[in-house]
Amino acid sequence: MKKISVIIPIYNREKYLSECLTSVINQSYSNLEIILVDDGSTDQSLEIIQRFSKQDDRIKYYTQNNQGVASARNSGLKMVTGDFITFVDSDDWVVNNMYEKLMGIQVESDADIVVCNMTSKIEKLNGYNSTNYMTYGKIKAVKSLYTESRFNFCLMNKLFKKHIFNHIKFPENRDYEDAAVMYKLLLNADTIVHFDTFLYFYRTENESITRSGFSSKRIDVLINYDETIEYLKKIAPELIPIINVDFYYTLRNLMIDYLNSDYEKQETLQKIQKYMKKLYRNSGFDKLSSKEKVFGWSIILFPKASKSAYFLRKKVG
């Protein structure tokens, strides 16, 4: 039986941590290495970690000063001894046979990465349980990552062969760290399988960067874009037009959120406009509708007017 290393970064999650850890230690697939990284918690999280570690010898934990989730994940990766790697967020929980099902699909398909569905609605966990799965090559998988809801940038609903993380680290001291590595992980794989069933439950009440309004941290998507394009130029240039289209919608929504907020740093507005101009010189925009092309130029030339036009268009459909 192959060993799965489950990495759980933890920061001030005393409210949900016990439920999370219980769901992992009670998995029907028992050959687990459970790696808990406490990222400088100031609540009772460390005490909960220590209590669980005394109850289950599959748990090993590491403590560090608060450095962010990317650093905690990198610390966890250094501790891995298993054959496969997966992640859990410390306020989420997993269905009790999640890893058994993912490993069953992996053995059947010999996939490098197995992906399941994730949800914030408990009724989906109880009501939809498929046995179907689809197989992807690396290029098709990256295309799906940027164009379909079937894939997403989250780590937690995926099981990876250990070698997929060779030479890959999460970028520290910035946000959107999942998006900064997910396309690299997929391109490191030969076979990726999507298992069409819901096995991972995530909570929506935390104030993650992707669920809140505008902040300066959201500009980190620009760094991700530059890195992605440079990487794909060497590995898979045929994917660049798809990335450009996806990034257009990211920039558009970023601009709308900026204009709809009280955030007023002019250099931030100028930076978004600069990247929008860069996109219009790149490939992929033949796939946009005429309305989107016009709206994109209005963001560049008349940002405040484009905000009003966007919300009017949304209101009238």
C-alpha atoms as a PDB file:
ATOM      1  CA  MET A   1       0.000   0.000   0.000  1.00  0.00           C
ATOM      2  CA  LYS A   2       1.497   3.319  -1.132  1.00  0.00           C
ATOM      3  CA  LYS A   3       1.922   6.063   1.444  1.00  0.00           C
ATOM      4  CA  ILE A   4       0.138   9.420   1.059  1.00  0.00           C
ATOM      5  CA  SER A   5       1.684  12.494   2.675  1.00  0.00           C
ATOM      6  CA  VAL A   6      -1.063  14.934   3.728  1.00  0.00           C
ATOM      7  CA  ILE A   7       0.273  18.466   4.302  1.00  0.00           C
ATOM      8  CA  ILE A   8      -1.876  20.779   6.448  1.00  0.00           C
ATOM      9  CA  PRO A   9      -0.654  24.368   6.993  1.00  0.00           C
ATOM     10  CA  ILE A  10      -2.208  25.888  10.121  1.00  0.00           C
ATOM     11  CA  TYR A  11      -2.583  29.447  11.335  1.00  0.00           C
ATOM     12  CA  ASN A  12      -5.112  30.411  14.030  1.00  0.00           C
ATOM     13  CA  ARG A  13      -7.729  27.799  13.131  1.00  0.00           C
ATOM     14  CA  GLU A  14      -8.723  26.578  16.600  1.00  0.00           C
ATOM     15  CA  LYS A  15     -12.423  26.792  15.717  1.00  0.00           C
ATOM     16  CA  TYR A  16     -12.297  24.158  12.969  1.00  0.00           C
ATOM     17  CA  LEU A  17      -8.968  22.386  13.377  1.00  0.00           C
ATOM     18  CA  SER A  18     -10.238  19.418  15.397  1.00  0.00           C
ATOM     19  CA  GLU A  19     -12.925  18.676  12.811  1.00  0.00           C
ATOM     20  CA  CYS A  20     -10.354  18.922  10.029  1.00  0.00           C
ATOM     21  CA  LEU A  21      -7.842  16.599  11.700  1.00  0.00           C
ATOM     22  CA  THR A  22     -10.520  14.104  12.700  1.00  0.00           C
ATOM     23  CA  SER A  23     -11.650  13.819   9.081  1.00  0.00           C
ATOM     24  CA  VAL A  24      -8.073  13.026   8.014  1.00  0.00           C
ATOM     25  CA  ILE A  25      -7.115  10.535  10.727  1.00  0.00           C
ATOM     26  CA  ASN A  26     -10.411   8.652  10.216  1.00  0.00           C
ATOM     27  CA  GLN A  27      -9.768   8.029   6.524  1.00  0.00           C
ATOM     28  CA  SER A  28     -10.542   4.508   5.307  1.00  0.00           C
ATOM     29  CA  TYR A  29      -7.138   4.614   3.549  1.00  0.00           C
ATOM     30  CA  SER A  30      -4.838   4.271   6.546  1.00  0.00           C
ATOM     31  CA  ASN A  31      -1.304   4.497   5.128  1.00  0.00           C
ATOM     32  CA  LEU A  32      -0.988   8.226   5.691  1.00  0.00           C
ATOM     33  CA  GLU A  33       1.772  10.543   6.776  1.00  0.00           C
ATOM     34  CA  ILE A  34       0.010  13.585   8.272  1.00  0.00           C
ATOM     35  CA  ILE A  35       2.272  16.644   8.272  1.00  0.00           C
ATOM     36  CA  LEU A  36       1.036  19.603  10.322  1.00  0.00           C
ATOM     37  CA  VAL A  37       2.866  22.918   9.966  1.00  0.00           C
ATOM     38  CA  ASP A  38       1.910  25.524  12.549  1.00  0.00           C
ATOM     39  CA  ASP A  39       2.691  28.917  11.042  1.00  0.00           C
ATOM     40  CA  GLY A  40       3.068  30.845  14.299  1.00  0.00           C
ATOM     41  CA  SER A  41      -0.501  30.515  15.582  1.00  0.00           C
ATOM     42  CA  THR A  42      -1.428  32.754  18.524  1.00  0.00           C
ATOM     43  CA  ASP A  43      -4.624  30.888  19.473  1.00  0.00           C
ATOM     44  CA  GLN A  44      -5.007  27.294  20.731  1.00  0.00           C
ATOM     45  CA  SER A  45      -4.095  25.662  17.404  1.00  0.00           C
ATOM     46  CA  LEU A  46      -0.710  24.362  18.593  1.00  0.00           C
ATOM     47  CA  GLU A  47      -2.279  22.765  21.675  1.00  0.00           C
ATOM     48  CA  ILE A  48      -4.792  20.987  19.429  1.00  0.00           C
ATOM     49  CA  ILE A  49      -1.947  19.812  17.164  1.00  0.00           C
ATOM     50  CA  GLN A  50      -0.024  18.416  20.123  1.00  0.00           C
ATOM     51  CA  ARG A  51      -3.078  16.638  21.491  1.00  0.00           C
ATOM     52  CA  PHE A  52      -3.800  14.926  18.186  1.00  0.00           C
ATOM     53  CA  SER A  53      -0.142  13.983  17.680  1.00  0.00           C
ATOM     54  CA  LYS A  54      -0.206  12.079  20.964  1.00  0.00           C
ATOM     55  CA  GLN A  55      -3.249  10.144  19.780  1.00  0.00           C
ATOM     56  CA  ASP A  56      -1.973   9.183  16.313  1.00  0.00           C
ATOM     57  CA  ASP A  57       1.641   8.329  15.537  1.00  0.00           C
ATOM     58  CA  ARG A  58       1.110   9.052  11.819  1.00  0.00           C
ATOM     59  CA  ILE A  59       1.110  12.747  12.721  1.00  0.00           C
ATOM     60  CA  LYS A  60       4.304  14.759  12.749  1.00  0.00           C
ATOM     61  CA  TYR A  61       4.315  18.480  13.250  1.00  0.00           C
ATOM     62  CA  TYR A  62       6.593  21.453  12.755  1.00  0.00           C
ATOM     63  CA  THR A  63       6.325  24.969  14.153  1.00  0.00           C
ATOM     64  CA  GLN A  64       7.664  28.138  12.606  1.00  0.00           C
ATOM     65  CA  ASN A  65       7.283  31.884  12.958  1.00  0.00           C
ATOM     66  CA  ASN A  66       4.409  33.318  10.939  1.00  0.00           C
ATOM     67  CA  GLN A  67       5.596  33.425   7.326  1.00  0.00           C
ATOM     68  CA  GLY A  68       2.436  32.699   5.372  1.00  0.00           C
ATOM     69  CA  VAL A  69       0.773  29.664   3.825  1.00  0.00           C
ATOM     70  CA  ALA A  70       3.314  29.320   0.989  1.00  0.00           C
ATOM     71  CA  SER A  71       6.182  29.045   3.454  1.00  0.00           C
ATOM     72  CA  ALA A  72       4.203  26.544   5.560  1.00  0.00           C
ATOM     73  CA  ARG A  73       3.556  24.383   2.495  1.00  0.00           C
ATOM     74  CA  ASN A  74       7.225  24.519   1.517  1.00  0.00           C
ATOM     75  CA  SER A  75       8.168  23.443   5.037  1.00  0.00           C
ATOM     76  CA  GLY A  76       5.715  20.557   4.758  1.00  0.00           C
ATOM     77  CA  LEU A  77       7.152  19.448   1.413  1.00  0.00           C
ATOM     78  CA  LYS A  78      10.601  19.147   3.003  1.00  0.00           C
ATOM     79  CA  MET A  79       9.173  16.625   5.496  1.00  0.00           C
ATOM     80  CA  VAL A  80       7.488  14.350   2.946  1.00  0.00           C
ATOM     81  CA  THR A  81       8.487  10.668   2.886  1.00  0.00           C
ATOM     82  CA  GLY A  82       5.368   9.336   1.129  1.00  0.00           C
ATOM     83  CA  ASP A  83       4.819   8.229  -2.455  1.00  0.00           C
ATOM     84  CA  PHE A  84       1.992  10.718  -3.033  1.00  0.00           C
ATOM     85  CA  ILE A  85       1.301  14.249  -1.827  1.00  0.00           C
ATOM     86  CA  THR A  86      -1.937  16.068  -1.089  1.00  0.00           C
ATOM     87  CA  PHE A  87      -2.988  19.113   0.907  1.00  0.00           C
ATOM     88  CA  VAL A  88      -5.816  20.107   3.228  1.00  0.00           C
ATOM     89  CA  ASP A  89      -6.696  23.587   4.463  1.00  0.00           C
ATOM     90  CA  SER A  90      -7.032  23.562   8.234  1.00  0.00           C
ATOM     91  CA  ASP A  91     -10.603  24.892   8.313  1.00  0.00           C
ATOM     92  CA  ASP A  92     -11.884  22.362   5.749  1.00  0.00           C
ATOM     93  CA  TRP A  93     -12.622  18.641   5.946  1.00  0.00           C
ATOM     94  CA  VAL A  94     -12.575  15.602   3.701  1.00  0.00           C
ATOM     95  CA  VAL A  95     -15.030  12.760   3.096  1.00  0.00           C
ATOM     96  CA  ASN A  96     -13.949   9.667   5.036  1.00  0.00           C
ATOM     97  CA  ASN A  97     -13.058   7.610   1.952  1.00  0.00           C
ATOM     98  CA  MET A  98     -11.555  10.411  -0.143  1.00  0.00           C
ATOM     99  CA  TYR A  99      -8.025   9.018  -0.283  1.00  0.00           C
ATOM    100  CA  GLU A 100      -9.211   5.446  -0.795  1.00  0.00           C
ATOM    101  CA  LYS A 101     -11.204   6.577  -3.823  1.00  0.00           C
ATOM    102  CA  LEU A 102      -8.408   8.729  -5.254  1.00  0.00           C
ATOM    103  CA  MET A 103      -5.857   5.933  -4.819  1.00  0.00           C
ATOM    104  CA  GLY A 104      -8.252   3.456  -6.416  1.00  0.00           C
ATOM    105  CA  ILE A 105      -8.523   5.672  -9.493  1.00  0.00           C
ATOM    106  CA  GLN A 106      -4.756   6.217  -9.485  1.00  0.00           C
ATOM    107  CA  VAL A 107      -4.022   2.475  -9.453  1.00  0.00           C
ATOM    108  CA  GLU A 108      -6.541   1.851 -12.224  1.00  0.00           C
ATOM    109  CA  SER A 109      -5.269   4.683 -14.460  1.00  0.00           C
ATOM    110  CA  ASP A 110      -1.618   5.042 -13.338  1.00  0.00           C
ATOM    111  CA  ALA A 111      -2.235   8.803 -13.285  1.00  0.00           C
ATOM    112  CA  ASP A 112       0.387  11.252 -12.071  1.00  0.00           C
ATOM    113  CA  ILE A 113      -2.343  13.533 -10.715  1.00  0.00           C
ATOM    114  CA  VAL A 114      -5.885  12.597  -9.680  1.00  0.00           C
ATOM    115  CA  VAL A 115      -8.440  15.395  -9.294  1.00  0.00           C
ATOM    116  CA  CYS A 116     -11.846  15.225  -7.588  1.00  0.00           C
ATOM    117  CA  ASN A 117     -14.572  17.822  -7.098  1.00  0.00           C
ATOM    118  CA  MET A 118     -14.767  20.139  -4.105  1.00  0.00           C
ATOM    119  CA  THR A 119     -17.753  21.976  -2.693  1.00  0.00           C
ATOM    120  CA  SER A 120     -18.978  24.263   0.072  1.00  0.00           C
ATOM    121  CA  LYS A 121     -22.418  22.605   0.030  1.00  0.00           C
ATOM    122  CA  ILE A 122     -22.758  19.516   2.191  1.00  0.00           C
ATOM    123  CA  GLU A 123     -25.712  18.189   0.193  1.00  0.00           C
ATOM    124  CA  LYS A 124     -23.419  17.702  -2.820  1.00  0.00           C
ATOM    125  CA  LEU A 125     -21.179  15.437  -0.756  1.00  0.00           C
ATOM    126  CA  ASN A 126     -24.177  13.291   0.129  1.00  0.00           C
ATOM    127  CA  GLY A 127     -26.071  13.400  -3.131  1.00  0.00           C
ATOM    128  CA  TYR A 128     -23.676  13.093  -6.061  1.00  0.00           C
ATOM    129  CA  ASN A 129     -21.286  10.175  -6.241  1.00  0.00           C
ATOM    130  CA  SER A 130     -20.076   9.251  -9.706  1.00  0.00           C
ATOM    131  CA  THR A 131     -17.666   6.500 -10.703  1.00  0.00           C
ATOM    132  CA  ASN A 132     -16.767   8.228 -13.968  1.00  0.00           C
ATOM    133  CA  TYR A 133     -13.403   9.769 -14.681  1.00  0.00           C
ATOM    134  CA  MET A 134     -11.776  11.497 -17.640  1.00  0.00           C
ATOM    135  CA  THR A 135      -8.127  11.223 -18.649  1.00  0.00           C
ATOM    136  CA  TYR A 136      -6.079  14.223 -19.814  1.00  0.00           C
ATOM    137  CA  GLY A 137      -2.630  14.772 -21.216  1.00  0.00           C
ATOM    138  CA  LYS A 138      -0.642  17.684 -19.833  1.00  0.00           C
ATOM    139  CA  ILE A 139      -1.482  20.207 -22.573  1.00  0.00           C
ATOM    140  CA  LYS A 140      -5.195  19.422 -22.500  1.00  0.00           C
ATOM    141  CA  ALA A 141      -5.144  19.620 -18.695  1.00  0.00           C
ATOM    142  CA  VAL A 142      -3.608  23.111 -18.689  1.00  0.00           C
ATOM    143  CA  LYS A 143      -6.111  24.251 -21.312  1.00  0.00           C
ATOM    144  CA  SER A 144      -8.910  22.965 -19.090  1.00  0.00           C
ATOM    145  CA  LEU A 145      -7.375  24.701 -16.065  1.00  0.00           C
ATOM    146  CA  TYR A 146      -7.890  28.075 -17.750  1.00  0.00           C
ATOM    147  CA  THR A 147     -11.111  27.423 -19.660  1.00  0.00           C
ATOM    148  CA  GLU A 148     -13.302  24.965 -17.710  1.00  0.00           C
ATOM    149  CA  SER A 149     -14.771  24.697 -14.218  1.00  0.00           C
ATOM    150  CA  ARG A 150     -13.779  21.017 -14.208  1.00  0.00           C
ATOM    151  CA  PHE A 151     -10.282  21.994 -13.091  1.00  0.00           C
ATOM    152  CA  ASN A 152      -9.263  24.719 -10.638  1.00  0.00           C
ATOM    153  CA  PHE A 153      -6.100  26.150  -9.114  1.00  0.00           C
ATOM    154  CA  CYS A 154      -6.695  24.623  -5.677  1.00  0.00           C
ATOM    155  CA  LEU A 155      -4.287  22.001  -4.371  1.00  0.00           C
ATOM    156  CA  MET A 156      -6.599  20.353  -1.884  1.00  0.00           C
ATOM    157  CA  ASN A 157      -8.740  18.346  -4.307  1.00  0.00           C
ATOM    158  CA  LYS A 158      -5.719  16.760  -5.977  1.00  0.00           C
ATOM    159  CA  LEU A 159      -3.465  13.776  -5.321  1.00  0.00           C
ATOM    160  CA  PHE A 160       0.042  14.102  -6.785  1.00  0.00           C
ATOM    161  CA  LYS A 161       2.800  11.593  -7.340  1.00  0.00           C
ATOM    162  CA  LYS A 162       5.720  12.850  -5.293  1.00  0.00           C
ATOM    163  CA  HIS A 163       7.984  13.533  -8.274  1.00  0.00           C
ATOM    164  CA  ILE A 164       5.513  16.101  -9.646  1.00  0.00           C
ATOM    165  CA  PHE A 165       6.854  18.534  -7.025  1.00  0.00           C
ATOM    166  CA  ASN A 166      10.496  18.086  -8.066  1.00  0.00           C
ATOM    167  CA  HIS A 167      12.110  21.530  -8.378  1.00  0.00           C
ATOM    168  CA  ILE A 168       8.843  23.313  -7.537  1.00  0.00           C
ATOM    169  CA  LYS A 169       8.375  25.602  -4.534  1.00  0.00           C
ATOM    170  CA  PHE A 170       5.527  27.908  -3.633  1.00  0.00           C
ATOM    171  CA  PRO A 171       6.477  31.578  -4.039  1.00  0.00           C
ATOM    172  CA  GLU A 172       6.605  33.176  -0.601  1.00  0.00           C
ATOM    173  CA  ASN A 173       5.551  36.654   0.509  1.00  0.00           C
ATOM    174  CA  ARG A 174       2.874  37.024  -2.119  1.00  0.00           C
ATOM    175  CA  ASP A 175      -0.664  35.856  -2.823  1.00  0.00           C
ATOM    176  CA  TYR A 176      -2.178  33.516  -5.455  1.00  0.00           C
ATOM    177  CA  GLU A 177       0.583  31.006  -4.718  1.00  0.00           C
ATOM    178  CA  ASP A 178      -1.604  28.114  -5.954  1.00  0.00           C
ATOM    179  CA  ALA A 179      -2.000  29.724  -9.367  1.00  0.00           C
ATOM    180  CA  ALA A 180       1.743  30.365  -9.491  1.00  0.00           C
ATOM    181  CA  VAL A 181       2.525  26.637  -9.461  1.00  0.00           C
ATOM    182  CA  MET A 182      -0.525  24.726 -10.705  1.00  0.00           C
ATOM    183  CA  TYR A 183       0.258  24.964 -14.422  1.00  0.00           C
ATOM    184  CA  LYS A 184       3.824  23.795 -13.674  1.00  0.00           C
ATOM    185  CA  LEU A 185       2.546  20.793 -11.742  1.00  0.00           C
ATOM    186  CA  LEU A 186       0.230  19.804 -14.597  1.00  0.00           C
ATOM    187  CA  LEU A 187       3.033  20.181 -17.132  1.00  0.00           C
ATOM    188  CA  ASN A 188       5.230  17.916 -14.981  1.00  0.00           C
ATOM    189  CA  ALA A 189       2.643  15.149 -15.359  1.00  0.00           C
ATOM    190  CA  ASP A 190       2.022  12.799 -18.264  1.00  0.00           C
ATOM    191  CA  THR A 191      -1.457  11.659 -17.225  1.00  0.00           C
ATOM    192  CA  ILE A 192      -4.031  13.636 -15.232  1.00  0.00           C
ATOM    193  CA  VAL A 193      -7.382  12.121 -14.283  1.00  0.00           C
ATOM    194  CA  HIS A 194     -10.506  14.023 -13.240  1.00  0.00           C
ATOM    195  CA  PHE A 195     -12.765  11.939 -10.980  1.00  0.00           C
ATOM    196  CA  ASP A 196     -16.278  13.381 -11.184  1.00  0.00           C
ATOM    197  CA  THR A 197     -17.356  13.148  -7.553  1.00  0.00           C
ATOM    198  CA  PHE A 198     -17.353  15.514  -4.546  1.00  0.00           C
ATOM    199  CA  LEU A 199     -14.939  14.471  -1.820  1.00  0.00           C
ATOM    200  CA  TYR A 200     -13.582  17.726  -0.359  1.00  0.00           C
ATOM    201  CA  PHE A 201     -15.541  20.291   1.679  1.00  0.00           C
ATOM    202  CA  TYR A 202     -14.277  23.872   1.983  1.00  0.00           C
ATOM    203  CA  ARG A 203     -15.606  26.723   4.058  1.00  0.00           C
ATOM    204  CA  THR A 204     -16.392  30.094   2.538  1.00  0.00           C
ATOM    205  CA  GLU A 205     -16.475  32.302   5.621  1.00  0.00           C
ATOM    206  CA  ASN A 206     -12.749  33.022   5.799  1.00  0.00           C
ATOM    207  CA  GLU A 207     -11.465  36.247   4.256  1.00  0.00           C
ATOM    208  CA  SER A 208      -9.172  34.845   1.610  1.00  0.00           C
ATOM    209  CA  ILE A 209      -7.743  37.161  -1.013  1.00  0.00           C
ATOM    210  CA  THR A 210      -9.917  35.594  -3.718  1.00  0.00           C
ATOM    211  CA  ARG A 211     -13.168  36.054  -1.767  1.00  0.00           C
ATOM    212  CA  SER A 212     -12.702  39.645  -0.579  1.00  0.00           C
ATOM    213  CA  GLY A 213     -12.791  43.007  -2.364  1.00  0.00           C
ATOM    214  CA  PHE A 214      -9.822  44.994  -3.619  1.00  0.00           C
ATOM    215  CA  SER A 215      -6.473  45.180  -1.855  1.00  0.00           C
ATOM    216  CA  SER A 216      -2.901  45.819  -2.958  1.00  0.00           C
ATOM    217  CA  LYS A 217      -2.225  42.069  -2.632  1.00  0.00           C
ATOM    218  CA  ARG A 218      -4.400  41.371  -5.643  1.00  0.00           C
ATOM    219  CA  ILE A 219      -1.766  42.971  -7.859  1.00  0.00           C
ATOM    220  CA  ASP A 220       0.287  39.807  -7.329  1.00  0.00           C
ATOM    221  CA  VAL A 221      -1.663  38.305 -10.244  1.00  0.00           C
ATOM    222  CA  LEU A 222       0.480  40.498 -12.508  1.00  0.00           C
ATOM    223  CA  ILE A 223       3.636  38.786 -11.263  1.00  0.00           C
ATOM    224  CA  ASN A 224       2.007  35.407 -11.874  1.00  0.00           C
ATOM    225  CA  TYR A 225       1.114  36.385 -15.431  1.00  0.00           C
ATOM    226  CA  ASP A 226       4.666  37.438 -16.298  1.00  0.00           C
ATOM    227  CA  GLU A 227       6.108  34.245 -14.822  1.00  0.00           C
ATOM    228  CA  THR A 228       3.540  32.045 -16.579  1.00  0.00           C
ATOM    229  CA  ILE A 229       4.210  33.557 -19.997  1.00  0.00           C
ATOM    230  CA  GLU A 230       7.986  33.265 -19.628  1.00  0.00           C
ATOM    231  CA  TYR A 231       7.676  29.640 -18.503  1.00  0.00           C
ATOM    232  CA  LEU A 232       5.321  28.683 -21.331  1.00  0.00           C
ATOM    233  CA  LYS A 233       7.516  30.305 -23.974  1.00  0.00           C
ATOM    234  CA  LYS A 234      10.035  27.530 -23.280  1.00  0.00           C
ATOM    235  CA  ILE A 235       7.710  24.616 -22.505  1.00  0.00           C
ATOM    236  CA  ALA A 236       4.361  25.036 -24.300  1.00  0.00           C
ATOM    237  CA  PRO A 237       4.039  28.276 -26.322  1.00  0.00           C
ATOM    238  CA  GLU A 238       0.793  27.044 -27.896  1.00  0.00           C
ATOM    239  CA  LEU A 239      -0.910  27.695 -24.531  1.00  0.00           C
ATOM    240  CA  ILE A 240      -0.068  31.409 -24.418  1.00  0.00           C
ATOM    241  CA  PRO A 241      -3.187  32.652 -26.312  1.00  0.00           C
ATOM    242  CA  ILE A 242      -5.413  30.805 -23.821  1.00  0.00           C
ATOM    243  CA  ILE A 243      -3.523  32.359 -20.884  1.00  0.00           C
ATOM    244  CA  ASN A 244      -3.894  35.807 -22.441  1.00  0.00           C
ATOM    245  CA  VAL A 245      -7.661  35.494 -22.730  1.00  0.00           C
ATOM    246  CA  ASP A 246      -7.983  34.234 -19.164  1.00  0.00           C
ATOM    247  CA  PHE A 247      -5.762  37.056 -17.933  1.00  0.00           C
ATOM    248  CA  TYR A 248      -7.899  39.625 -19.770  1.00  0.00           C
ATOM    249  CA  TYR A 249     -10.920  38.604 -17.681  1.00  0.00           C
ATOM    250  CA  THR A 250      -8.792  38.656 -14.535  1.00  0.00           C
ATOM    251  CA  LEU A 251      -7.648  42.201 -15.317  1.00  0.00           C
ATOM    252  CA  ARG A 252     -11.141  43.319 -16.217  1.00  0.00           C
ATOM    253  CA  ASN A 253     -12.551  42.092 -12.909  1.00  0.00           C
ATOM    254  CA  LEU A 254      -9.568  43.515 -11.054  1.00  0.00           C
ATOM    255  CA  MET A 255     -10.220  46.936 -12.561  1.00  0.00           C
ATOM    256  CA  ILE A 256     -13.933  46.816 -11.747  1.00  0.00           C
ATOM    257  CA  ASP A 257     -13.207  45.882  -8.130  1.00  0.00           C
ATOM    258  CA  TYR A 258     -10.595  48.638  -7.935  1.00  0.00           C
ATOM    259  CA  LEU A 259     -13.000  51.278  -9.250  1.00  0.00           C
ATOM    260  CA  ASN A 260     -15.745  50.029  -6.960  1.00  0.00           C
ATOM    261  CA  SER A 261     -13.540  50.338  -3.864  1.00  0.00           C
ATOM    262  CA  ASP A 262     -12.097  53.174  -1.803  1.00  0.00           C
ATOM    263  CA  TYR A 263      -8.593  52.216  -2.868  1.00  0.00           C
ATOM    264  CA  GLU A 264      -7.139  55.256  -4.641  1.00  0.00           C
ATOM    265  CA  LYS A 265      -3.469  54.664  -5.409  1.00  0.00           C
ATOM    266  CA  GLN A 266      -2.964  56.020  -8.901  1.00  0.00           C
ATOM    267  CA  GLU A 267       0.054  53.821  -9.576  1.00  0.00           C
ATOM    268  CA  THR A 268      -2.129  50.736  -9.103  1.00  0.00           C
ATOM    269  CA  LEU A 269      -4.595  51.968 -11.724  1.00  0.00           C
ATOM    270  CA  GLN A 270      -1.731  52.746 -14.094  1.00  0.00           C
ATOM    271  CA  LYS A 271      -0.216  49.324 -13.592  1.00  0.00           C
ATOM    272  CA  ILE A 272      -3.486  47.569 -14.456  1.00  0.00           C
ATOM    273  CA  GLN A 273      -3.872  49.752 -17.547  1.00  0.00           C
ATOM    274  CA  LYS A 274      -0.277  49.004 -18.587  1.00  0.00           C
ATOM    275  CA  TYR A 275      -0.942  45.266 -18.483  1.00  0.00           C
ATOM    276  CA  MET A 276      -4.197  45.668 -20.396  1.00  0.00           C
ATOM    277  CA  LYS A 277      -2.293  47.490 -23.170  1.00  0.00           C
ATOM    278  CA  LYS A 278       0.305  44.709 -23.179  1.00  0.00           C
ATOM    279  CA  LEU A 279      -2.419  42.114 -23.598  1.00  0.00           C
ATOM    280  CA  TYR A 280      -3.882  43.890 -26.601  1.00  0.00           C
ATOM    281  CA  ARG A 281      -0.537  43.529 -28.342  1.00  0.00           C
ATOM    282  CA  ASN A 282      -0.410  39.795 -27.645  1.00  0.00           C
ATOM    283  CA  SER A 283      -2.128  36.796 -29.195  1.00  0.00           C
ATOM    284  CA  GLY A 284      -5.481  35.355 -28.200  1.00  0.00           C
ATOM    285  CA  PHE A 285      -7.809  38.334 -28.485  1.00  0.00           C
ATOM    286  CA  ASP A 286      -9.487  37.129 -31.644  1.00  0.00           C
ATOM    287  CA  LYS A 287     -11.411  34.856 -29.244  1.00  0.00           C
ATOM    288  CA  LEU A 288     -12.975  37.830 -27.441  1.00  0.00           C
ATOM    289  CA  SER A 289     -16.328  39.229 -28.490  1.00  0.00           C
ATOM    290  CA  SER A 290     -16.449  42.710 -30.024  1.00  0.00           C
ATOM    291  CA  LYS A 291     -18.143  44.001 -26.865  1.00  0.00           C
ATOM    292  CA  GLU A 292     -15.288  42.710 -24.718  1.00  0.00           C
ATOM    293  CA  LYS A 293     -12.672  44.284 -26.996  1.00  0.00           C
ATOM    294  CA  VAL A 294     -14.429  47.647 -26.757  1.00  0.00           C
ATOM    295  CA  PHE A 295     -14.832  47.288 -23.009  1.00  0.00           C
ATOM    296  CA  GLY A 296     -11.130  46.471 -22.655  1.00  0.00           C
ATOM    297  CA  TRP A 297     -10.142  49.639 -24.491  1.00  0.00           C
ATOM    298  CA  SER A 298     -12.547  51.669 -22.379  1.00  0.00           C
ATOM    299  CA  ILE A 299     -10.747  50.378 -19.270  1.00  0.00           C
ATOM    300  CA  ILE A 300      -7.490  51.658 -20.722  1.00  0.00           C
ATOM    301  CA  LEU A 301      -8.785  55.042 -21.902  1.00  0.00           C
ATOM    302  CA  PHE A 302     -11.805  55.860 -19.720  1.00  0.00           C
ATOM    303  CA  PRO A 303     -11.709  53.688 -16.578  1.00  0.00           C
ATOM    304  CA  LYS A 304     -14.414  55.488 -14.590  1.00  0.00           C
ATOM    305  CA  ALA A 305     -16.813  55.504 -17.529  1.00  0.00           C
ATOM    306  CA  SER A 306     -16.144  51.805 -18.149  1.00  0.00           C
ATOM    307  CA  LYS A 307     -17.213  51.054 -14.593  1.00  0.00           C
ATOM    308  CA  SER A 308     -20.627  52.632 -15.163  1.00  0.00           C
ATOM    309  CA  ALA A 309     -20.986  50.879 -18.501  1.00  0.00           C
ATOM    310  CA  TYR A 310     -20.114  47.516 -16.971  1.00  0.00           C
ATOM    311  CA  PHE A 311     -22.709  47.697 -14.218  1.00  0.00           C
ATOM    312  CA  LEU A 312     -25.377  49.011 -16.598  1.00  0.00           C
ATOM    313  CA  ARG A 313     -24.673  46.142 -19.007  1.00  0.00           C
ATOM    314  CA  LYS A 314     -24.818  43.649 -16.134  1.00  0.00           C
ATOM    315  CA  LYS A 315     -28.116  45.076 -14.913  1.00  0.00           C
ATOM    316  CA  VAL A 316     -29.859  44.957 -18.265  1.00  0.00           C
ATOM    317  CA  GLY A 317     -28.264  41.636 -19.244  1.00  0.00           C
END
